[in-house]
Amino acid sequence: MTNYWIQLFINRNSPTSVGAEENLNAILKKYFPGDYQLEIIDIQENPEKTEEAGILAIPTLIRKWPKPEVRLIGALTLQTRVLTGLGIVVQEDK
């Protein structure tokens, strides 16, 4: 089993959503190479999944695993905010 299961709800026509997807991919590749499952859900292509998840705004990131579930809404281009939301503690080089 992977250590992280993440869903990202976006609108691929939105620059904010595209930036969130790019930033999240960079973070996951750097900190969890091959150790995560990322599911990108475009709200226009999957309105049923969007409604089922209770998505009210985009972009929305949901860390499904490990529990507890965590949701981050908006401003996912800030790397430190995404890392904190995912529960990733980064050791600063000294």
PDB file of N, CA and C in Angstrom:
ATOM      1  N   MET A   1       0.837  -1.189   0.000  1.00  0.00           N
ATOM      2  CA  MET A   1       0.000   0.000   0.000  1.00  0.00           C
ATOM      3  C   MET A   1       0.881   1.251   0.000  1.00  0.00           C
ATOM      4  N   THR A   2       0.411   2.264  -0.715  1.00  0.00           N
ATOM      5  CA  THR A   2       1.146   3.523  -0.739  1.00  0.00           C
ATOM      6  C   THR A   2       0.941   4.267   0.574  1.00  0.00           C
ATOM      7  N   ASN A   3       1.888   5.128   0.896  1.00  0.00           N
ATOM      8  CA  ASN A   3       1.801   5.884   2.139  1.00  0.00           C
ATOM      9  C   ASN A   3       0.806   7.035   2.065  1.00  0.00           C
ATOM     10  N   TYR A   4       0.584   7.559   0.859  1.00  0.00           N
ATOM     11  CA  TYR A   4      -0.324   8.683   0.703  1.00  0.00           C
ATOM     12  C   TYR A   4      -1.307   8.423  -0.433  1.00  0.00           C
ATOM     13  N   TRP A   5      -2.585   8.697  -0.189  1.00  0.00           N
ATOM     14  CA  TRP A   5      -3.615   8.680  -1.211  1.00  0.00           C
ATOM     15  C   TRP A   5      -4.214  10.080  -1.210  1.00  0.00           C
ATOM     16  N   ILE A   6      -4.084  10.761  -2.336  1.00  0.00           N
ATOM     17  CA  ILE A   6      -4.466  12.161  -2.426  1.00  0.00           C
ATOM     18  C   ILE A   6      -5.392  12.364  -3.612  1.00  0.00           C
ATOM     19  N   GLN A   7      -6.437  13.132  -3.376  1.00  0.00           N
ATOM     20  CA  GLN A   7      -7.327  13.544  -4.452  1.00  0.00           C
ATOM     21  C   GLN A   7      -7.185  15.049  -4.617  1.00  0.00           C
ATOM     22  N   LEU A   8      -7.135  15.499  -5.869  1.00  0.00           N
ATOM     23  CA  LEU A   8      -7.074  16.927  -6.157  1.00  0.00           C
ATOM     24  C   LEU A   8      -8.229  17.259  -7.094  1.00  0.00           C
ATOM     25  N   PHE A   9      -9.132  18.086  -6.600  1.00  0.00           N
ATOM     26  CA  PHE A   9     -10.279  18.524  -7.397  1.00  0.00           C
ATOM     27  C   PHE A   9      -9.936  19.866  -8.017  1.00  0.00           C
ATOM     28  N   ILE A  10     -10.015  19.927  -9.352  1.00  0.00           N
ATOM     29  CA  ILE A  10      -9.623  21.128 -10.072  1.00  0.00           C
ATOM     30  C   ILE A  10     -10.578  21.384 -11.235  1.00  0.00           C
ATOM     31  N   ASN A  11     -10.387  22.535 -11.841  1.00  0.00           N
ATOM     32  CA  ASN A  11     -10.991  22.864 -13.130  1.00  0.00           C
ATOM     33  C   ASN A  11      -9.806  23.138 -14.049  1.00  0.00           C
ATOM     34  N   ARG A  12      -9.566  22.264 -15.005  1.00  0.00           N
ATOM     35  CA  ARG A  12      -8.386  22.394 -15.862  1.00  0.00           C
ATOM     36  C   ARG A  12      -8.402  23.658 -16.719  1.00  0.00           C
ATOM     37  N   ASN A  13      -9.512  24.388 -16.726  1.00  0.00           N
ATOM     38  CA  ASN A  13      -9.580  25.656 -17.453  1.00  0.00           C
ATOM     39  C   ASN A  13      -9.166  26.836 -16.580  1.00  0.00           C
ATOM     40  N   SER A  14      -8.829  26.570 -15.339  1.00  0.00           N
ATOM     41  CA  SER A  14      -8.462  27.625 -14.393  1.00  0.00           C
ATOM     42  C   SER A  14      -6.951  27.644 -14.169  1.00  0.00           C
ATOM     43  N   PRO A  15      -6.313  28.804 -14.376  1.00  0.00           N
ATOM     44  CA  PRO A  15      -4.872  28.899 -14.116  1.00  0.00           C
ATOM     45  C   PRO A  15      -4.503  28.544 -12.671  1.00  0.00           C
ATOM     46  N   THR A  16      -5.366  28.879 -11.725  1.00  0.00           N
ATOM     47  CA  THR A  16      -5.112  28.552 -10.315  1.00  0.00           C
ATOM     48  C   THR A  16      -5.070  27.045 -10.119  1.00  0.00           C
ATOM     49  N   SER A  17      -5.993  26.342 -10.743  1.00  0.00           N
ATOM     50  CA  SER A  17      -6.030  24.885 -10.641  1.00  0.00           C
ATOM     51  C   SER A  17      -4.818  24.245 -11.302  1.00  0.00           C
ATOM     52  N   VAL A  18      -4.434  24.761 -12.456  1.00  0.00           N
ATOM     53  CA  VAL A  18      -3.263  24.227 -13.161  1.00  0.00           C
ATOM     54  C   VAL A  18      -2.013  24.421 -12.312  1.00  0.00           C
ATOM     55  N   GLY A  19      -1.872  25.596 -11.689  1.00  0.00           N
ATOM     56  CA  GLY A  19      -0.732  25.849 -10.803  1.00  0.00           C
ATOM     57  C   GLY A  19      -0.737  24.935  -9.595  1.00  0.00           C
ATOM     58  N   ALA A  20      -1.907  24.670  -9.039  1.00  0.00           N
ATOM     59  CA  ALA A  20      -2.025  23.768  -7.891  1.00  0.00           C
ATOM     60  C   ALA A  20      -1.592  22.360  -8.272  1.00  0.00           C
ATOM     61  N   GLU A  21      -2.012  21.899  -9.455  1.00  0.00           N
ATOM     62  CA  GLU A  21      -1.639  20.554  -9.910  1.00  0.00           C
ATOM     63  C   GLU A  21      -0.133  20.451 -10.125  1.00  0.00           C
ATOM     64  N   GLU A  22       0.459  21.449 -10.747  1.00  0.00           N
ATOM     65  CA  GLU A  22       1.906  21.442 -10.990  1.00  0.00           C
ATOM     66  C   GLU A  22       2.684  21.439  -9.680  1.00  0.00           C
ATOM     67  N   ASN A  23       2.282  22.276  -8.737  1.00  0.00           N
ATOM     68  CA  ASN A  23       2.965  22.349  -7.447  1.00  0.00           C
ATOM     69  C   ASN A  23       2.841  21.040  -6.679  1.00  0.00           C
ATOM     70  N   LEU A  24       1.648  20.465  -6.663  1.00  0.00           N
ATOM     71  CA  LEU A  24       1.444  19.214  -5.948  1.00  0.00           C
ATOM     72  C   LEU A  24       2.275  18.088  -6.563  1.00  0.00           C
ATOM     73  N   ASN A  25       2.309  18.009  -7.881  1.00  0.00           N
ATOM     74  CA  ASN A  25       3.129  16.984  -8.541  1.00  0.00           C
ATOM     75  C   ASN A  25       4.598  17.140  -8.183  1.00  0.00           C
ATOM     76  N   ALA A  26       5.094  18.361  -8.162  1.00  0.00           N
ATOM     77  CA  ALA A  26       6.496  18.605  -7.807  1.00  0.00           C
ATOM     78  C   ALA A  26       6.783  18.179  -6.368  1.00  0.00           C
ATOM     79  N   ILE A  27       5.880  18.498  -5.453  1.00  0.00           N
ATOM     80  CA  ILE A  27       6.051  18.126  -4.041  1.00  0.00           C
ATOM     81  C   ILE A  27       6.069  16.609  -3.892  1.00  0.00           C
ATOM     82  N   LEU A  28       5.103  15.941  -4.507  1.00  0.00           N
ATOM     83  CA  LEU A  28       5.016  14.489  -4.356  1.00  0.00           C
ATOM     84  C   LEU A  28       6.223  13.785  -4.966  1.00  0.00           C
ATOM     85  N   LYS A  29       6.683  14.238  -6.100  1.00  0.00           N
ATOM     86  CA  LYS A  29       7.860  13.621  -6.728  1.00  0.00           C
ATOM     87  C   LYS A  29       9.108  13.826  -5.881  1.00  0.00           C
ATOM     88  N   LYS A  30       9.210  14.977  -5.236  1.00  0.00           N
ATOM     89  CA  LYS A  30      10.383  15.273  -4.415  1.00  0.00           C
ATOM     90  C   LYS A  30      10.378  14.503  -3.093  1.00  0.00           C
ATOM     91  N   TYR A  31       9.241  14.492  -2.409  1.00  0.00           N
ATOM     92  CA  TYR A  31       9.186  13.928  -1.060  1.00  0.00           C
ATOM     93  C   TYR A  31       8.691  12.484  -0.990  1.00  0.00           C
ATOM     94  N   PHE A  32       7.990  12.026  -2.015  1.00  0.00           N
ATOM     95  CA  PHE A  32       7.432  10.675  -2.006  1.00  0.00           C
ATOM     96  C   PHE A  32       7.568   9.987  -3.358  1.00  0.00           C
ATOM     97  N   PRO A  33       8.767   9.875  -3.890  1.00  0.00           N
ATOM     98  CA  PRO A  33       8.892   9.265  -5.216  1.00  0.00           C
ATOM     99  C   PRO A  33       8.328   7.844  -5.230  1.00  0.00           C
ATOM    100  N   GLY A  34       7.261   7.656  -6.015  1.00  0.00           N
ATOM    101  CA  GLY A  34       6.648   6.335  -6.156  1.00  0.00           C
ATOM    102  C   GLY A  34       5.875   5.840  -4.957  1.00  0.00           C
ATOM    103  N   ASP A  35       5.693   6.683  -3.931  1.00  0.00           N
ATOM    104  CA  ASP A  35       5.074   6.232  -2.687  1.00  0.00           C
ATOM    105  C   ASP A  35       3.727   6.920  -2.438  1.00  0.00           C
ATOM    106  N   TYR A  36       3.017   7.234  -3.529  1.00  0.00           N
ATOM    107  CA  TYR A  36       1.740   7.914  -3.377  1.00  0.00           C
ATOM    108  C   TYR A  36       0.820   7.565  -4.537  1.00  0.00           C
ATOM    109  N   GLN A  37      -0.461   7.759  -4.286  1.00  0.00           N
ATOM    110  CA  GLN A  37      -1.473   7.631  -5.332  1.00  0.00           C
ATOM    111  C   GLN A  37      -2.149   8.981  -5.430  1.00  0.00           C
ATOM    112  N   LEU A  38      -2.066   9.593  -6.600  1.00  0.00           N
ATOM    113  CA  LEU A  38      -2.676  10.897  -6.819  1.00  0.00           C
ATOM    114  C   LEU A  38      -3.801  10.753  -7.834  1.00  0.00           C
ATOM    115  N   GLU A  39      -4.966  11.196  -7.437  1.00  0.00           N
ATOM    116  CA  GLU A  39      -6.136  11.155  -8.300  1.00  0.00           C
ATOM    117  C   GLU A  39      -6.539  12.602  -8.611  1.00  0.00           C
ATOM    118  N   ILE A  40      -6.423  12.993  -9.879  1.00  0.00           N
ATOM    119  CA  ILE A  40      -6.816  14.329 -10.315  1.00  0.00           C
ATOM    120  C   ILE A  40      -8.251  14.234 -10.821  1.00  0.00           C
ATOM    121  N   ILE A  41      -9.138  15.046 -10.254  1.00  0.00           N
ATOM    122  CA  ILE A  41     -10.542  15.026 -10.644  1.00  0.00           C
ATOM    123  C   ILE A  41     -10.921  16.405 -11.166  1.00  0.00           C
ATOM    124  N   ASP A  42     -11.232  16.482 -12.451  1.00  0.00           N
ATOM    125  CA  ASP A  42     -11.702  17.720 -13.057  1.00  0.00           C
ATOM    126  C   ASP A  42     -13.195  17.821 -12.764  1.00  0.00           C
ATOM    127  N   ILE A  43     -13.596  18.905 -12.130  1.00  0.00           N
ATOM    128  CA  ILE A  43     -14.990  19.032 -11.695  1.00  0.00           C
ATOM    129  C   ILE A  43     -15.962  19.084 -12.863  1.00  0.00           C
ATOM    130  N   GLN A  44     -15.496  19.530 -14.024  1.00  0.00           N
ATOM    131  CA  GLN A  44     -16.379  19.581 -15.189  1.00  0.00           C
ATOM    132  C   GLN A  44     -16.564  18.199 -15.805  1.00  0.00           C
ATOM    133  N   GLU A  45     -15.557  17.360 -15.697  1.00  0.00           N
ATOM    134  CA  GLU A  45     -15.639  16.010 -16.258  1.00  0.00           C
ATOM    135  C   GLU A  45     -16.283  15.018 -15.297  1.00  0.00           C
ATOM    136  N   ASN A  46     -16.202  15.274 -14.003  1.00  0.00           N
ATOM    137  CA  ASN A  46     -16.724  14.359 -12.985  1.00  0.00           C
ATOM    138  C   ASN A  46     -17.596  15.082 -11.962  1.00  0.00           C
ATOM    139  N   PRO A  47     -18.714  15.650 -12.395  1.00  0.00           N
ATOM    140  CA  PRO A  47     -19.550  16.369 -11.422  1.00  0.00           C
ATOM    141  C   PRO A  47     -20.111  15.469 -10.332  1.00  0.00           C
ATOM    142  N   GLU A  48     -20.337  14.178 -10.654  1.00  0.00           N
ATOM    143  CA  GLU A  48     -20.878  13.265  -9.631  1.00  0.00           C
ATOM    144  C   GLU A  48     -19.875  13.055  -8.508  1.00  0.00           C
ATOM    145  N   LYS A  49     -18.611  12.833  -8.876  1.00  0.00           N
ATOM    146  CA  LYS A  49     -17.558  12.615  -7.868  1.00  0.00           C
ATOM    147  C   LYS A  49     -17.350  13.889  -7.046  1.00  0.00           C
ATOM    148  N   THR A  50     -17.459  15.019  -7.711  1.00  0.00           N
ATOM    149  CA  THR A  50     -17.309  16.310  -7.043  1.00  0.00           C
ATOM    150  C   THR A  50     -18.401  16.499  -5.999  1.00  0.00           C
ATOM    151  N   GLU A  51     -19.619  16.211  -6.378  1.00  0.00           N
ATOM    152  CA  GLU A  51     -20.748  16.342  -5.452  1.00  0.00           C
ATOM    153  C   GLU A  51     -20.635  15.340  -4.307  1.00  0.00           C
ATOM    154  N   GLU A  52     -20.259  14.114  -4.638  1.00  0.00           N
ATOM    155  CA  GLU A  52     -20.113  13.060  -3.629  1.00  0.00           C
ATOM    156  C   GLU A  52     -19.091  13.445  -2.562  1.00  0.00           C
ATOM    157  N   ALA A  53     -18.019  14.127  -2.982  1.00  0.00           N
ATOM    158  CA  ALA A  53     -16.966  14.534  -2.044  1.00  0.00           C
ATOM    159  C   ALA A  53     -17.317  15.824  -1.313  1.00  0.00           C
ATOM    160  N   GLY A  54     -18.399  16.470  -1.688  1.00  0.00           N
ATOM    161  CA  GLY A  54     -18.810  17.707  -1.017  1.00  0.00           C
ATOM    162  C   GLY A  54     -17.914  18.883  -1.345  1.00  0.00           C
ATOM    163  N   ILE A  55     -17.416  18.943  -2.568  1.00  0.00           N
ATOM    164  CA  ILE A  55     -16.512  20.013  -2.970  1.00  0.00           C
ATOM    165  C   ILE A  55     -17.303  21.293  -3.215  1.00  0.00           C
ATOM    166  N   LEU A  56     -16.908  22.366  -2.531  1.00  0.00           N
ATOM    167  CA  LEU A  56     -17.586  23.648  -2.660  1.00  0.00           C
ATOM    168  C   LEU A  56     -16.731  24.686  -3.373  1.00  0.00           C
ATOM    169  N   ALA A  57     -15.426  24.480  -3.418  1.00  0.00           N
ATOM    170  CA  ALA A  57     -14.509  25.433  -4.044  1.00  0.00           C
ATOM    171  C   ALA A  57     -13.330  24.661  -4.619  1.00  0.00           C
ATOM    172  N   ILE A  58     -12.677  25.263  -5.592  1.00  0.00           N
ATOM    173  CA  ILE A  58     -11.504  24.632  -6.185  1.00  0.00           C
ATOM    174  C   ILE A  58     -10.348  25.620  -6.197  1.00  0.00           C
ATOM    175  N   PRO A  59      -9.137  25.148  -6.214  1.00  0.00           N
ATOM    176  CA  PRO A  59      -8.789  23.745  -6.073  1.00  0.00           C
ATOM    177  C   PRO A  59      -8.980  23.260  -4.636  1.00  0.00           C
ATOM    178  N   THR A  60      -9.303  21.986  -4.518  1.00  0.00           N
ATOM    179  CA  THR A  60      -9.397  21.339  -3.210  1.00  0.00           C
ATOM    180  C   THR A  60      -8.557  20.074  -3.226  1.00  0.00           C
ATOM    181  N   LEU A  61      -7.687  19.958  -2.247  1.00  0.00           N
ATOM    182  CA  LEU A  61      -6.843  18.774  -2.086  1.00  0.00           C
ATOM    183  C   LEU A  61      -7.381  18.002  -0.889  1.00  0.00           C
ATOM    184  N   ILE A  62      -7.556  16.705  -1.074  1.00  0.00           N
ATOM    185  CA  ILE A  62      -7.993  15.847   0.034  1.00  0.00           C
ATOM    186  C   ILE A  62      -6.950  14.758   0.233  1.00  0.00           C
ATOM    187  N   ARG A  63      -6.370  14.739   1.423  1.00  0.00           N
ATOM    188  CA  ARG A  63      -5.489  13.625   1.782  1.00  0.00           C
ATOM    189  C   ARG A  63      -6.388  12.562   2.383  1.00  0.00           C
ATOM    190  N   LYS A  64      -6.630  11.500   1.613  1.00  0.00           N
ATOM    191  CA  LYS A  64      -7.504  10.417   2.052  1.00  0.00           C
ATOM    192  C   LYS A  64      -6.780   9.454   2.992  1.00  0.00           C
ATOM    193  N   TRP A  65      -5.518   9.271   2.756  1.00  0.00           N
ATOM    194  CA  TRP A  65      -4.701   8.363   3.553  1.00  0.00           C
ATOM    195  C   TRP A  65      -3.343   8.981   3.714  1.00  0.00           C
ATOM    196  N   PRO A  66      -2.712   8.965   4.839  1.00  0.00           N
ATOM    197  CA  PRO A  66      -3.161   8.344   6.081  1.00  0.00           C
ATOM    198  C   PRO A  66      -4.275   9.163   6.739  1.00  0.00           C
ATOM    199  N   LYS A  67      -5.025   8.464   7.549  1.00  0.00           N
ATOM    200  CA  LYS A  67      -6.106   9.096   8.296  1.00  0.00           C
ATOM    201  C   LYS A  67      -5.505   9.958   9.385  1.00  0.00           C
ATOM    202  N   PRO A  68      -6.126  10.995   9.858  1.00  0.00           N
ATOM    203  CA  PRO A  68      -7.437  11.463   9.473  1.00  0.00           C
ATOM    204  C   PRO A  68      -7.396  12.183   8.125  1.00  0.00           C
ATOM    205  N   GLU A  69      -8.543  12.212   7.464  1.00  0.00           N
ATOM    206  CA  GLU A  69      -8.650  12.916   6.196  1.00  0.00           C
ATOM    207  C   GLU A  69      -8.400  14.401   6.430  1.00  0.00           C
ATOM    208  N   VAL A  70      -7.647  15.012   5.501  1.00  0.00           N
ATOM    209  CA  VAL A  70      -7.325  16.432   5.585  1.00  0.00           C
ATOM    210  C   VAL A  70      -7.740  17.094   4.279  1.00  0.00           C
ATOM    211  N   ARG A  71      -8.321  18.275   4.380  1.00  0.00           N
ATOM    212  CA  ARG A  71      -8.711  19.037   3.187  1.00  0.00           C
ATOM    213  C   ARG A  71      -8.024  20.390   3.185  1.00  0.00           C
ATOM    214  N   LEU A  72      -7.492  20.736   2.031  1.00  0.00           N
ATOM    215  CA  LEU A  72      -6.929  22.072   1.803  1.00  0.00           C
ATOM    216  C   LEU A  72      -7.704  22.682   0.650  1.00  0.00           C
ATOM    217  N   ILE A  73      -8.146  23.900   0.827  1.00  0.00           N
ATOM    218  CA  ILE A  73      -8.950  24.557  -0.198  1.00  0.00           C
ATOM    219  C   ILE A  73      -8.265  25.848  -0.618  1.00  0.00           C
ATOM    220  N   GLY A  74      -8.042  25.977  -1.940  1.00  0.00           N
ATOM    221  CA  GLY A  74      -7.448  27.188  -2.498  1.00  0.00           C
ATOM    222  C   GLY A  74      -5.975  27.334  -2.188  1.00  0.00           C
ATOM    223  N   ALA A  75      -5.328  28.289  -2.844  1.00  0.00           N
ATOM    224  CA  ALA A  75      -3.925  28.660  -2.614  1.00  0.00           C
ATOM    225  C   ALA A  75      -2.987  27.463  -2.488  1.00  0.00           C
ATOM    226  N   LEU A  76      -3.108  26.501  -3.378  1.00  0.00           N
ATOM    227  CA  LEU A  76      -2.236  25.327  -3.319  1.00  0.00           C
ATOM    228  C   LEU A  76      -0.921  25.535  -4.061  1.00  0.00           C
ATOM    229  N   THR A  77      -0.657  26.764  -4.450  1.00  0.00           N
ATOM    230  CA  THR A  77       0.626  27.064  -5.082  1.00  0.00           C
ATOM    231  C   THR A  77       1.686  27.399  -4.034  1.00  0.00           C
ATOM    232  N   LEU A  78       1.282  27.564  -2.788  1.00  0.00           N
ATOM    233  CA  LEU A  78       2.234  27.825  -1.707  1.00  0.00           C
ATOM    234  C   LEU A  78       2.744  26.491  -1.173  1.00  0.00           C
ATOM    235  N   GLN A  79       4.000  26.192  -1.480  1.00  0.00           N
ATOM    236  CA  GLN A  79       4.555  24.880  -1.149  1.00  0.00           C
ATOM    237  C   GLN A  79       4.506  24.587   0.345  1.00  0.00           C
ATOM    238  N   THR A  80       4.834  25.547   1.180  1.00  0.00           N
ATOM    239  CA  THR A  80       4.840  25.285   2.627  1.00  0.00           C
ATOM    240  C   THR A  80       3.442  24.950   3.134  1.00  0.00           C
ATOM    241  N   ARG A  81       2.421  25.595   2.583  1.00  0.00           N
ATOM    242  CA  ARG A  81       1.042  25.315   2.994  1.00  0.00           C
ATOM    243  C   ARG A  81       0.637  23.892   2.611  1.00  0.00           C
ATOM    244  N   VAL A  82       1.016  23.470   1.417  1.00  0.00           N
ATOM    245  CA  VAL A  82       0.684  22.113   0.969  1.00  0.00           C
ATOM    246  C   VAL A  82       1.434  21.086   1.809  1.00  0.00           C
ATOM    247  N   LEU A  83       2.709  21.317   2.057  1.00  0.00           N
ATOM    248  CA  LEU A  83       3.501  20.389   2.872  1.00  0.00           C
ATOM    249  C   LEU A  83       2.899  20.245   4.259  1.00  0.00           C
ATOM    250  N   THR A  84       2.535  21.344   4.877  1.00  0.00           N
ATOM    251  CA  THR A  84       1.933  21.309   6.204  1.00  0.00           C
ATOM    252  C   THR A  84       0.605  20.561   6.176  1.00  0.00           C
ATOM    253  N   GLY A  85      -0.207  20.830   5.175  1.00  0.00           N
ATOM    254  CA  GLY A  85      -1.494  20.166   5.054  1.00  0.00           C
ATOM    255  C   GLY A  85      -1.375  18.665   4.851  1.00  0.00           C
ATOM    256  N   LEU A  86      -0.325  18.248   4.156  1.00  0.00           N
ATOM    257  CA  LEU A  86      -0.094  16.817   3.941  1.00  0.00           C
ATOM    258  C   LEU A  86       0.568  16.154   5.143  1.00  0.00           C
ATOM    259  N   GLY A  87       0.982  16.967   6.114  1.00  0.00           N
ATOM    260  CA  GLY A  87       1.634  16.414   7.295  1.00  0.00           C
ATOM    261  C   GLY A  87       3.089  16.087   7.066  1.00  0.00           C
ATOM    262  N   ILE A  88       3.704  16.787   6.113  1.00  0.00           N
ATOM    263  CA  ILE A  88       5.105  16.548   5.774  1.00  0.00           C
ATOM    264  C   ILE A  88       5.969  17.537   6.543  1.00  0.00           C
ATOM    265  N   VAL A  89       6.847  17.011   7.350  1.00  0.00           N
ATOM    266  CA  VAL A  89       7.775  17.836   8.103  1.00  0.00           C
ATOM    267  C   VAL A  89       9.100  17.838   7.350  1.00  0.00           C
ATOM    268  N   VAL A  90       9.531  19.019   6.961  1.00  0.00           N
ATOM    269  CA  VAL A  90      10.768  19.149   6.196  1.00  0.00           C
ATOM    270  C   VAL A  90      11.853  19.664   7.114  1.00  0.00           C
ATOM    271  N   GLN A  91      12.947  18.927   7.141  1.00  0.00           N
ATOM    272  CA  GLN A  91      14.093  19.342   7.936  1.00  0.00           C
ATOM    273  C   GLN A  91      14.907  20.345   7.121  1.00  0.00           C
ATOM    274  N   GLU A  92      15.116  21.506   7.676  1.00  0.00           N
ATOM    275  CA  GLU A  92      15.911  22.532   7.000  1.00  0.00           C
ATOM    276  C   GLU A  92      17.379  22.148   7.052  1.00  0.00           C
ATOM    277  N   ASP A  93      18.091  22.341   5.936  1.00  0.00           N
ATOM    278  CA  ASP A  93      19.531  22.121   5.933  1.00  0.00           C
ATOM    279  C   ASP A  93      20.186  23.249   6.698  1.00  0.00           C
ATOM    280  N   LYS A  94      21.158  22.875   7.520  1.00  0.00           N
ATOM    281  CA  LYS A  94      21.825  23.912   8.328  1.00  0.00           C
ATOM    282  C   LYS A  94      23.231  24.105   7.869  1.00  0.00           C
TER     283      LYS A  94
END
